[in-house]
């Protein structure tokens, strides 16, 4: 029933994310397969949401240690570690970006 737009979902998630305060997205990793998979998932999530941010990939162990991360891959959003020790799928990254 489309009368008064009942029954139709409005997807405003793209607008909300684009106007949010996400300033940086960083993937911390050693260069392994799981680290590259997380980096690709992050790039896909950013493209899907329409956010104009470059996803940085850091392999420098001193910089990784400065975040206090001991297990990789790790995802850092706005200089805050939000996930570590597992490779996330694109949908999981999108959920973290919406928070």
PDB file of N, CA and C in Angstrom:
ATOM      1  N   UNK A   1       0.856  -1.172   0.000  1.00  0.00           N
ATOM      2  CA  UNK A   1       0.000   0.000   0.000  1.00  0.00           C
ATOM      3  C   UNK A   1       0.895   1.225   0.000  1.00  0.00           C
ATOM      4  N   UNK A   2       0.820   2.004  -1.048  1.00  0.00           N
ATOM      5  CA  UNK A   2       1.710   3.152  -1.132  1.00  0.00           C
ATOM      6  C   UNK A   2       1.009   4.461  -0.803  1.00  0.00           C
ATOM      7  N   UNK A   3      -0.221   4.382  -0.344  1.00  0.00           N
ATOM      8  CA  UNK A   3      -0.942   5.574   0.055  1.00  0.00           C
ATOM      9  C   UNK A   3      -0.241   6.214   1.250  1.00  0.00           C
ATOM     10  N   UNK A   4       0.109   7.449   1.155  1.00  0.00           N
ATOM     11  CA  UNK A   4       0.817   8.194   2.186  1.00  0.00           C
ATOM     12  C   UNK A   4       2.182   7.594   2.515  1.00  0.00           C
ATOM     13  N   UNK A   5       2.736   6.833   1.573  1.00  0.00           N
ATOM     14  CA  UNK A   5       4.045   6.199   1.732  1.00  0.00           C
ATOM     15  C   UNK A   5       4.103   5.204   2.878  1.00  0.00           C
ATOM     16  N   UNK A   6       2.966   4.661   3.285  1.00  0.00           N
ATOM     17  CA  UNK A   6       2.975   3.603   4.286  1.00  0.00           C
ATOM     18  C   UNK A   6       3.519   2.341   3.655  1.00  0.00           C
ATOM     19  N   UNK A   7       4.289   1.604   4.380  1.00  0.00           N
ATOM     20  CA  UNK A   7       4.844   0.363   3.861  1.00  0.00           C
ATOM     21  C   UNK A   7       6.144   0.549   3.098  1.00  0.00           C
ATOM     22  N   UNK A   8       6.557   1.766   2.902  1.00  0.00           N
ATOM     23  CA  UNK A   8       7.819   2.021   2.207  1.00  0.00           C
ATOM     24  C   UNK A   8       8.842   2.516   3.215  1.00  0.00           C
ATOM     25  N   UNK A   9      10.010   1.919   3.158  1.00  0.00           N
ATOM     26  CA  UNK A   9      11.095   2.354   4.030  1.00  0.00           C
ATOM     27  C   UNK A   9      11.877   3.455   3.343  1.00  0.00           C
ATOM     28  N   UNK A  10      12.219   4.461   4.097  1.00  0.00           N
ATOM     29  CA  UNK A  10      13.080   5.516   3.570  1.00  0.00           C
ATOM     30  C   UNK A  10      14.481   5.266   4.099  1.00  0.00           C
ATOM     31  N   UNK A  11      15.427   5.140   3.220  1.00  0.00           N
ATOM     32  CA  UNK A  11      16.803   4.871   3.618  1.00  0.00           C
ATOM     33  C   UNK A  11      17.552   6.195   3.707  1.00  0.00           C
ATOM     34  N   UNK A  12      17.733   6.672   4.920  1.00  0.00           N
ATOM     35  CA  UNK A  12      18.443   7.926   5.143  1.00  0.00           C
ATOM     36  C   UNK A  12      19.837   7.696   5.676  1.00  0.00           C
ATOM     37  N   UNK A  13      20.284   6.442   5.703  1.00  0.00           N
ATOM     38  CA  UNK A  13      21.588   6.123   6.287  1.00  0.00           C
ATOM     39  C   UNK A  13      22.724   6.798   5.532  1.00  0.00           C
ATOM     40  N   UNK A  14      22.623   6.908   4.213  1.00  0.00           N
ATOM     41  CA  UNK A  14      23.691   7.535   3.432  1.00  0.00           C
ATOM     42  C   UNK A  14      23.819   9.015   3.786  1.00  0.00           C
ATOM     43  N   UNK A  15      22.687   9.674   3.923  1.00  0.00           N
ATOM     44  CA  UNK A  15      22.717  11.102   4.248  1.00  0.00           C
ATOM     45  C   UNK A  15      23.290  11.322   5.644  1.00  0.00           C
ATOM     46  N   UNK A  16      22.922  10.458   6.581  1.00  0.00           N
ATOM     47  CA  UNK A  16      23.397  10.593   7.949  1.00  0.00           C
ATOM     48  C   UNK A  16      24.900  10.406   8.028  1.00  0.00           C
ATOM     49  N   UNK A  17      25.436   9.390   7.353  1.00  0.00           N
ATOM     50  CA  UNK A  17      26.859   9.105   7.407  1.00  0.00           C
ATOM     51  C   UNK A  17      27.653  10.212   6.737  1.00  0.00           C
ATOM     52  N   UNK A  18      27.184  10.701   5.596  1.00  0.00           N
ATOM     53  CA  UNK A  18      27.920  11.718   4.855  1.00  0.00           C
ATOM     54  C   UNK A  18      28.057  12.996   5.667  1.00  0.00           C
ATOM     55  N   UNK A  19      27.049  13.298   6.497  1.00  0.00           N
ATOM     56  CA  UNK A  19      27.088  14.525   7.276  1.00  0.00           C
ATOM     57  C   UNK A  19      27.671  14.314   8.669  1.00  0.00           C
ATOM     58  N   UNK A  20      28.026  13.085   8.992  1.00  0.00           N
ATOM     59  CA  UNK A  20      28.534  12.801  10.327  1.00  0.00           C
ATOM     60  C   UNK A  20      29.969  13.297  10.485  1.00  0.00           C
ATOM     61  N   UNK A  21      30.551  12.976  11.592  1.00  0.00           N
ATOM     62  CA  UNK A  21      31.877  13.515  11.910  1.00  0.00           C
ATOM     63  C   UNK A  21      32.987  12.490  11.712  1.00  0.00           C
ATOM     64  N   UNK A  22      32.869  11.598  10.743  1.00  0.00           N
ATOM     65  CA  UNK A  22      33.944  10.650  10.464  1.00  0.00           C
ATOM     66  C   UNK A  22      35.051  11.387   9.734  1.00  0.00           C
ATOM     67  N   UNK A  23      36.199  11.452  10.370  1.00  0.00           N
ATOM     68  CA  UNK A  23      37.321  12.196   9.809  1.00  0.00           C
ATOM     69  C   UNK A  23      38.411  11.286   9.257  1.00  0.00           C
ATOM     70  N   UNK A  24      38.554  10.089   9.824  1.00  0.00           N
ATOM     71  CA  UNK A  24      39.601   9.187   9.348  1.00  0.00           C
ATOM     72  C   UNK A  24      39.210   7.737   9.599  1.00  0.00           C
ATOM     73  N   UNK A  25      39.632   6.891   8.670  1.00  0.00           N
ATOM     74  CA  UNK A  25      39.442   5.454   8.794  1.00  0.00           C
ATOM     75  C   UNK A  25      40.792   4.819   8.496  1.00  0.00           C
ATOM     76  N   UNK A  26      41.296   4.021   9.426  1.00  0.00           N
ATOM     77  CA  UNK A  26      42.614   3.412   9.288  1.00  0.00           C
ATOM     78  C   UNK A  26      42.519   1.917   9.566  1.00  0.00           C
ATOM     79  N   UNK A  27      43.197   1.150   8.728  1.00  0.00           N
ATOM     80  CA  UNK A  27      43.327  -0.284   8.947  1.00  0.00           C
ATOM     81  C   UNK A  27      44.763  -0.544   9.368  1.00  0.00           C
ATOM     82  N   UNK A  28      44.941  -1.199  10.505  1.00  0.00           N
ATOM     83  CA  UNK A  28      46.266  -1.551  10.999  1.00  0.00           C
ATOM     84  C   UNK A  28      46.511  -3.018  10.717  1.00  0.00           C
ATOM     85  N   UNK A  29      47.632  -3.328  10.082  1.00  0.00           N
ATOM     86  CA  UNK A  29      47.905  -4.718   9.766  1.00  0.00           C
ATOM     87  C   UNK A  29      49.342  -4.967   9.381  1.00  0.00           C
ATOM     88  N   UNK A  30      49.686  -6.240   9.352  1.00  0.00           N
ATOM     89  CA  UNK A  30      51.056  -6.634   9.042  1.00  0.00           C
ATOM     90  C   UNK A  30      51.255  -6.949   7.568  1.00  0.00           C
ATOM     91  N   UNK A  31      50.180  -6.944   6.797  1.00  0.00           N
ATOM     92  CA  UNK A  31      50.283  -7.242   5.377  1.00  0.00           C
ATOM     93  C   UNK A  31      49.773  -8.619   5.023  1.00  0.00           C
ATOM     94  N   UNK A  32      49.143  -9.293   5.969  1.00  0.00           N
ATOM     95  CA  UNK A  32      48.640 -10.650   5.726  1.00  0.00           C
ATOM     96  C   UNK A  32      47.324 -10.597   4.943  1.00  0.00           C
ATOM     97  N   UNK A  33      46.824 -11.764   4.610  1.00  0.00           N
ATOM     98  CA  UNK A  33      45.603 -11.885   3.820  1.00  0.00           C
ATOM     99  C   UNK A  33      44.393 -11.279   4.548  1.00  0.00           C
ATOM    100  N   UNK A  34      44.277 -11.525   5.840  1.00  0.00           N
ATOM    101  CA  UNK A  34      43.157 -11.003   6.623  1.00  0.00           C
ATOM    102  C   UNK A  34      43.200  -9.477   6.705  1.00  0.00           C
ATOM    103  N   UNK A  35      44.393  -8.916   6.799  1.00  0.00           N
ATOM    104  CA  UNK A  35      44.547  -7.461   6.866  1.00  0.00           C
ATOM    105  C   UNK A  35      44.117  -6.815   5.555  1.00  0.00           C
ATOM    106  N   UNK A  36      44.520  -7.410   4.445  1.00  0.00           N
ATOM    107  CA  UNK A  36      44.120  -6.893   3.135  1.00  0.00           C
ATOM    108  C   UNK A  36      42.617  -7.040   2.925  1.00  0.00           C
ATOM    109  N   UNK A  37      42.033  -8.130   3.432  1.00  0.00           N
ATOM    110  CA  UNK A  37      40.587  -8.331   3.308  1.00  0.00           C
ATOM    111  C   UNK A  37      39.820  -7.252   4.074  1.00  0.00           C
ATOM    112  N   UNK A  38      40.288  -6.891   5.268  1.00  0.00           N
ATOM    113  CA  UNK A  38      39.641  -5.830   6.037  1.00  0.00           C
ATOM    114  C   UNK A  38      39.765  -4.492   5.315  1.00  0.00           C
ATOM    115  N   UNK A  39      40.919  -4.226   4.743  1.00  0.00           N
ATOM    116  CA  UNK A  39      41.127  -2.984   3.994  1.00  0.00           C
ATOM    117  C   UNK A  39      40.155  -2.902   2.819  1.00  0.00           C
ATOM    118  N   UNK A  40      39.992  -3.994   2.090  1.00  0.00           N
ATOM    119  CA  UNK A  40      39.059  -4.023   0.955  1.00  0.00           C
ATOM    120  C   UNK A  40      37.616  -3.850   1.433  1.00  0.00           C
ATOM    121  N   UNK A  41      37.250  -4.479   2.535  1.00  0.00           N
ATOM    122  CA  UNK A  41      35.899  -4.334   3.086  1.00  0.00           C
ATOM    123  C   UNK A  41      35.617  -2.888   3.480  1.00  0.00           C
ATOM    124  N   UNK A  42      36.612  -2.231   4.040  1.00  0.00           N
ATOM    125  CA  UNK A  42      36.449  -0.829   4.432  1.00  0.00           C
ATOM    126  C   UNK A  42      36.271   0.064   3.210  1.00  0.00           C
ATOM    127  N   UNK A  43      37.061  -0.188   2.172  1.00  0.00           N
ATOM    128  CA  UNK A  43      36.927   0.613   0.946  1.00  0.00           C
ATOM    129  C   UNK A  43      35.553   0.406   0.310  1.00  0.00           C
ATOM    130  N   UNK A  44      35.056  -0.836   0.329  1.00  0.00           N
ATOM    131  CA  UNK A  44      33.727  -1.116  -0.216  1.00  0.00           C
ATOM    132  C   UNK A  44      32.638  -0.434   0.611  1.00  0.00           C
ATOM    133  N   UNK A  45      32.773  -0.446   1.928  1.00  0.00           N
ATOM    134  CA  UNK A  45      31.786   0.189   2.802  1.00  0.00           C
ATOM    135  C   UNK A  45      31.741   1.698   2.585  1.00  0.00           C
ATOM    136  N   UNK A  46      32.911   2.304   2.459  1.00  0.00           N
ATOM    137  CA  UNK A  46      32.985   3.749   2.229  1.00  0.00           C
ATOM    138  C   UNK A  46      32.341   4.099   0.891  1.00  0.00           C
ATOM    139  N   UNK A  47      32.618   3.299  -0.136  1.00  0.00           N
ATOM    140  CA  UNK A  47      32.027   3.540  -1.453  1.00  0.00           C
ATOM    141  C   UNK A  47      30.514   3.352  -1.421  1.00  0.00           C
ATOM    142  N   UNK A  48      30.046   2.329  -0.712  1.00  0.00           N
ATOM    143  CA  UNK A  48      28.617   2.043  -0.634  1.00  0.00           C
ATOM    144  C   UNK A  48      27.856   3.145   0.093  1.00  0.00           C
ATOM    145  N   UNK A  49      28.481   3.719   1.119  1.00  0.00           N
ATOM    146  CA  UNK A  49      27.829   4.788   1.883  1.00  0.00           C
ATOM    147  C   UNK A  49      28.009   6.162   1.254  1.00  0.00           C
ATOM    148  N   UNK A  50      28.887   6.260   0.280  1.00  0.00           N
ATOM    149  CA  UNK A  50      29.108   7.540  -0.385  1.00  0.00           C
ATOM    150  C   UNK A  50      29.923   8.526   0.425  1.00  0.00           C
ATOM    151  N   UNK A  51      30.763   8.025   1.295  1.00  0.00           N
ATOM    152  CA  UNK A  51      31.618   8.886   2.108  1.00  0.00           C
ATOM    153  C   UNK A  51      32.883   9.193   1.318  1.00  0.00           C
ATOM    154  N   UNK A  52      33.289  10.434   1.323  1.00  0.00           N
ATOM    155  CA  UNK A  52      34.475  10.847   0.573  1.00  0.00           C
ATOM    156  C   UNK A  52      35.695  10.874   1.493  1.00  0.00           C
ATOM    157  N   UNK A  53      36.117   9.683   1.936  1.00  0.00           N
ATOM    158  CA  UNK A  53      37.267   9.543   2.831  1.00  0.00           C
ATOM    159  C   UNK A  53      38.158   8.441   2.291  1.00  0.00           C
ATOM    160  N   UNK A  54      39.461   8.659   2.348  1.00  0.00           N
ATOM    161  CA  UNK A  54      40.404   7.626   1.941  1.00  0.00           C
ATOM    162  C   UNK A  54      40.684   6.710   3.130  1.00  0.00           C
ATOM    163  N   UNK A  55      40.661   5.416   2.883  1.00  0.00           N
ATOM    164  CA  UNK A  55      40.951   4.442   3.932  1.00  0.00           C
ATOM    165  C   UNK A  55      42.456   4.207   3.957  1.00  0.00           C
ATOM    166  N   UNK A  56      43.078   4.554   5.064  1.00  0.00           N
ATOM    167  CA  UNK A  56      44.531   4.429   5.206  1.00  0.00           C
ATOM    168  C   UNK A  56      44.881   3.013   5.664  1.00  0.00           C
ATOM    169  N   UNK A  57      45.985   2.492   5.159  1.00  0.00           N
ATOM    170  CA  UNK A  57      46.461   1.163   5.537  1.00  0.00           C
ATOM    171  C   UNK A  57      47.854   1.317   6.133  1.00  0.00           C
ATOM    172  N   UNK A  58      48.005   0.979   7.409  1.00  0.00           N
ATOM    173  CA  UNK A  58      49.260   1.189   8.133  1.00  0.00           C
ATOM    174  C   UNK A  58      49.894  -0.162   8.453  1.00  0.00           C
ATOM    175  N   UNK A  59      51.175  -0.309   8.076  1.00  0.00           N
ATOM    176  CA  UNK A  59      51.920  -1.529   8.394  1.00  0.00           C
ATOM    177  C   UNK A  59      53.108  -1.255   9.308  1.00  0.00           C
ATOM    178  N   UNK A  60      53.349   0.004   9.650  1.00  0.00           N
ATOM    179  CA  UNK A  60      54.464   0.378  10.515  1.00  0.00           C
ATOM    180  C   UNK A  60      54.184  -0.086  11.944  1.00  0.00           C
ATOM    181  N   UNK A  61      55.006  -1.002  12.444  1.00  0.00           N
ATOM    182  CA  UNK A  61      54.766  -1.602  13.753  1.00  0.00           C
ATOM    183  C   UNK A  61      54.833  -0.593  14.902  1.00  0.00           C
ATOM    184  N   UNK A  62      55.646   0.431  14.781  1.00  0.00           N
ATOM    185  CA  UNK A  62      55.711   1.443  15.845  1.00  0.00           C
ATOM    186  C   UNK A  62      54.403   2.228  15.916  1.00  0.00           C
ATOM    187  N   UNK A  63      53.845   2.566  14.761  1.00  0.00           N
ATOM    188  CA  UNK A  63      52.582   3.290  14.747  1.00  0.00           C
ATOM    189  C   UNK A  63      51.444   2.394  15.247  1.00  0.00           C
ATOM    190  N   UNK A  64      51.485   1.112  14.863  1.00  0.00           N
ATOM    191  CA  UNK A  64      50.466   0.169  15.335  1.00  0.00           C
ATOM    192  C   UNK A  64      50.546   0.032  16.858  1.00  0.00           C
ATOM    193  N   UNK A  65      51.756  -0.056  17.383  1.00  0.00           N
ATOM    194  CA  UNK A  65      51.945  -0.171  18.835  1.00  0.00           C
ATOM    195  C   UNK A  65      51.455   1.075  19.564  1.00  0.00           C
ATOM    196  N   UNK A  66      51.518   2.239  18.921  1.00  0.00           N
ATOM    197  CA  UNK A  66      51.056   3.471  19.564  1.00  0.00           C
ATOM    198  C   UNK A  66      49.543   3.449  19.815  1.00  0.00           C
ATOM    199  N   UNK A  67      48.811   2.638  19.056  1.00  0.00           N
ATOM    200  CA  UNK A  67      47.379   2.471  19.286  1.00  0.00           C
ATOM    201  C   UNK A  67      47.093   1.456  20.387  1.00  0.00           C
ATOM    202  N   UNK A  68      48.089   0.699  20.810  1.00  0.00           N
ATOM    203  CA  UNK A  68      47.914  -0.305  21.849  1.00  0.00           C
ATOM    204  C   UNK A  68      47.298  -1.600  21.332  1.00  0.00           C
ATOM    205  N   UNK A  69      47.401  -1.832  20.039  1.00  0.00           N
ATOM    206  CA  UNK A  69      46.812  -3.023  19.425  1.00  0.00           C
ATOM    207  C   UNK A  69      47.834  -4.142  19.439  1.00  0.00           C
ATOM    208  N   UNK A  70      47.419  -5.304  19.930  1.00  0.00           N
ATOM    209  CA  UNK A  70      48.313  -6.456  19.965  1.00  0.00           C
ATOM    210  C   UNK A  70      47.909  -7.519  18.955  1.00  0.00           C
ATOM    211  N   UNK A  71      46.665  -7.497  18.485  1.00  0.00           N
ATOM    212  CA  UNK A  71      46.183  -8.472  17.503  1.00  0.00           C
ATOM    213  C   UNK A  71      45.700  -7.728  16.268  1.00  0.00           C
ATOM    214  N   UNK A  72      46.080  -8.242  15.121  1.00  0.00           N
ATOM    215  CA  UNK A  72      45.712  -7.589  13.879  1.00  0.00           C
ATOM    216  C   UNK A  72      44.915  -8.548  13.019  1.00  0.00           C
ATOM    217  N   UNK A  73      44.123  -8.030  12.110  1.00  0.00           N
ATOM    218  CA  UNK A  73      43.958  -6.640  11.695  1.00  0.00           C
ATOM    219  C   UNK A  73      43.124  -5.856  12.704  1.00  0.00           C
ATOM    220  N   UNK A  74      43.270  -4.545  12.643  1.00  0.00           N
ATOM    221  CA  UNK A  74      42.510  -3.666  13.521  1.00  0.00           C
ATOM    222  C   UNK A  74      41.926  -2.531  12.695  1.00  0.00           C
ATOM    223  N   UNK A  75      40.762  -2.072  13.108  1.00  0.00           N
ATOM    224  CA  UNK A  75      40.088  -0.965  12.440  1.00  0.00           C
ATOM    225  C   UNK A  75      40.027   0.215  13.394  1.00  0.00           C
ATOM    226  N   UNK A  76      40.483   1.363  12.909  1.00  0.00           N
ATOM    227  CA  UNK A  76      40.512   2.583  13.706  1.00  0.00           C
ATOM    228  C   UNK A  76      39.655   3.624  12.999  1.00  0.00           C
ATOM    229  N   UNK A  77      38.651   4.145  13.710  1.00  0.00           N
ATOM    230  CA  UNK A  77      37.797   5.203  13.176  1.00  0.00           C
ATOM    231  C   UNK A  77      37.957   6.416  14.071  1.00  0.00           C
ATOM    232  N   UNK A  78      38.325   7.554  13.478  1.00  0.00           N
ATOM    233  CA  UNK A  78      38.558   8.800  14.222  1.00  0.00           C
ATOM    234  C   UNK A  78      39.551   8.595  15.363  1.00  0.00           C
ATOM    235  N   UNK A  79      40.637   7.882  15.068  1.00  0.00           N
ATOM    236  CA  UNK A  79      41.729   7.630  16.022  1.00  0.00           C
ATOM    237  C   UNK A  79      41.292   6.797  17.225  1.00  0.00           C
ATOM    238  N   UNK A  80      40.187   6.047  17.107  1.00  0.00           N
ATOM    239  CA  UNK A  80      39.723   5.171  18.175  1.00  0.00           C
ATOM    240  C   UNK A  80      39.622   3.757  17.616  1.00  0.00           C
ATOM    241  N   UNK A  81      40.256   2.799  18.287  1.00  0.00           N
ATOM    242  CA  UNK A  81      40.223   1.404  17.850  1.00  0.00           C
ATOM    243  C   UNK A  81      38.817   0.866  18.115  1.00  0.00           C
ATOM    244  N   UNK A  82      38.139   0.412  17.040  1.00  0.00           N
ATOM    245  CA  UNK A  82      36.777  -0.095  17.172  1.00  0.00           C
ATOM    246  C   UNK A  82      36.693  -1.603  16.969  1.00  0.00           C
ATOM    247  N   UNK A  83      37.726  -2.203  16.372  1.00  0.00           N
ATOM    248  CA  UNK A  83      37.745  -3.649  16.160  1.00  0.00           C
ATOM    249  C   UNK A  83      39.184  -4.099  16.005  1.00  0.00           C
ATOM    250  N   UNK A  84      39.480  -5.301  16.525  1.00  0.00           N
ATOM    251  CA  UNK A  84      40.815  -5.856  16.329  1.00  0.00           C
ATOM    252  C   UNK A  84      40.743  -7.372  16.410  1.00  0.00           C
ATOM    253  N   UNK A  85      41.686  -8.021  15.748  1.00  0.00           N
ATOM    254  CA  UNK A  85      41.801  -9.465  15.829  1.00  0.00           C
ATOM    255  C   UNK A  85      40.962 -10.250  14.845  1.00  0.00           C
ATOM    256  N   UNK A  86      40.159  -9.570  14.013  1.00  0.00           N
ATOM    257  CA  UNK A  86      39.373 -10.302  13.029  1.00  0.00           C
ATOM    258  C   UNK A  86      39.107  -9.421  11.816  1.00  0.00           C
ATOM    259  N   UNK A  87      38.924 -10.077  10.694  1.00  0.00           N
ATOM    260  CA  UNK A  87      38.613  -9.387   9.457  1.00  0.00           C
ATOM    261  C   UNK A  87      37.099  -9.256   9.348  1.00  0.00           C
ATOM    262  N   UNK A  88      36.614  -8.037   9.231  1.00  0.00           N
ATOM    263  CA  UNK A  88      35.181  -7.778   9.176  1.00  0.00           C
ATOM    264  C   UNK A  88      34.676  -7.797   7.745  1.00  0.00           C
ATOM    265  N   UNK A  89      33.414  -8.140   7.581  1.00  0.00           N
ATOM    266  CA  UNK A  89      32.773  -8.068   6.277  1.00  0.00           C
ATOM    267  C   UNK A  89      32.285  -6.647   6.049  1.00  0.00           C
ATOM    268  N   UNK A  90      31.932  -6.335   4.819  1.00  0.00           N
ATOM    269  CA  UNK A  90      31.501  -4.988   4.461  1.00  0.00           C
ATOM    270  C   UNK A  90      30.309  -4.538   5.302  1.00  0.00           C
ATOM    271  N   UNK A  91      29.333  -5.399   5.506  1.00  0.00           N
ATOM    272  CA  UNK A  91      28.147  -5.042   6.294  1.00  0.00           C
ATOM    273  C   UNK A  91      28.513  -4.711   7.742  1.00  0.00           C
ATOM    274  N   UNK A  92      29.478  -5.429   8.290  1.00  0.00           N
ATOM    275  CA  UNK A  92      29.911  -5.160   9.666  1.00  0.00           C
ATOM    276  C   UNK A  92      30.619  -3.811   9.762  1.00  0.00           C
ATOM    277  N   UNK A  93      31.402  -3.481   8.758  1.00  0.00           N
ATOM    278  CA  UNK A  93      32.088  -2.186   8.734  1.00  0.00           C
ATOM    279  C   UNK A  93      31.067  -1.051   8.637  1.00  0.00           C
ATOM    280  N   UNK A  94      30.047  -1.253   7.811  1.00  0.00           N
ATOM    281  CA  UNK A  94      29.002  -0.232   7.672  1.00  0.00           C
ATOM    282  C   UNK A  94      28.317   0.012   9.013  1.00  0.00           C
ATOM    283  N   UNK A  95      28.023  -1.029   9.760  1.00  0.00           N
ATOM    284  CA  UNK A  95      27.407  -0.879  11.075  1.00  0.00           C
ATOM    285  C   UNK A  95      28.304  -0.091  12.025  1.00  0.00           C
ATOM    286  N   UNK A  96      29.603  -0.343  11.988  1.00  0.00           N
ATOM    287  CA  UNK A  96      30.527   0.405  12.839  1.00  0.00           C
ATOM    288  C   UNK A  96      30.605   1.874  12.421  1.00  0.00           C
ATOM    289  N   UNK A  97      30.518   2.137  11.138  1.00  0.00           N
ATOM    290  CA  UNK A  97      30.569   3.523  10.658  1.00  0.00           C
ATOM    291  C   UNK A  97      29.314   4.290  11.017  1.00  0.00           C
ATOM    292  N   UNK A  98      28.191   3.605  11.169  1.00  0.00           N
ATOM    293  CA  UNK A  98      26.931   4.269  11.499  1.00  0.00           C
ATOM    294  C   UNK A  98      26.858   4.657  12.965  1.00  0.00           C
ATOM    295  N   UNK A  99      27.685   4.063  13.819  1.00  0.00           N
ATOM    296  CA  UNK A  99      27.654   4.368  15.263  1.00  0.00           C
ATOM    297  C   UNK A  99      28.179   5.739  15.531  1.00  0.00           C
TER     298      UNK A  99
END
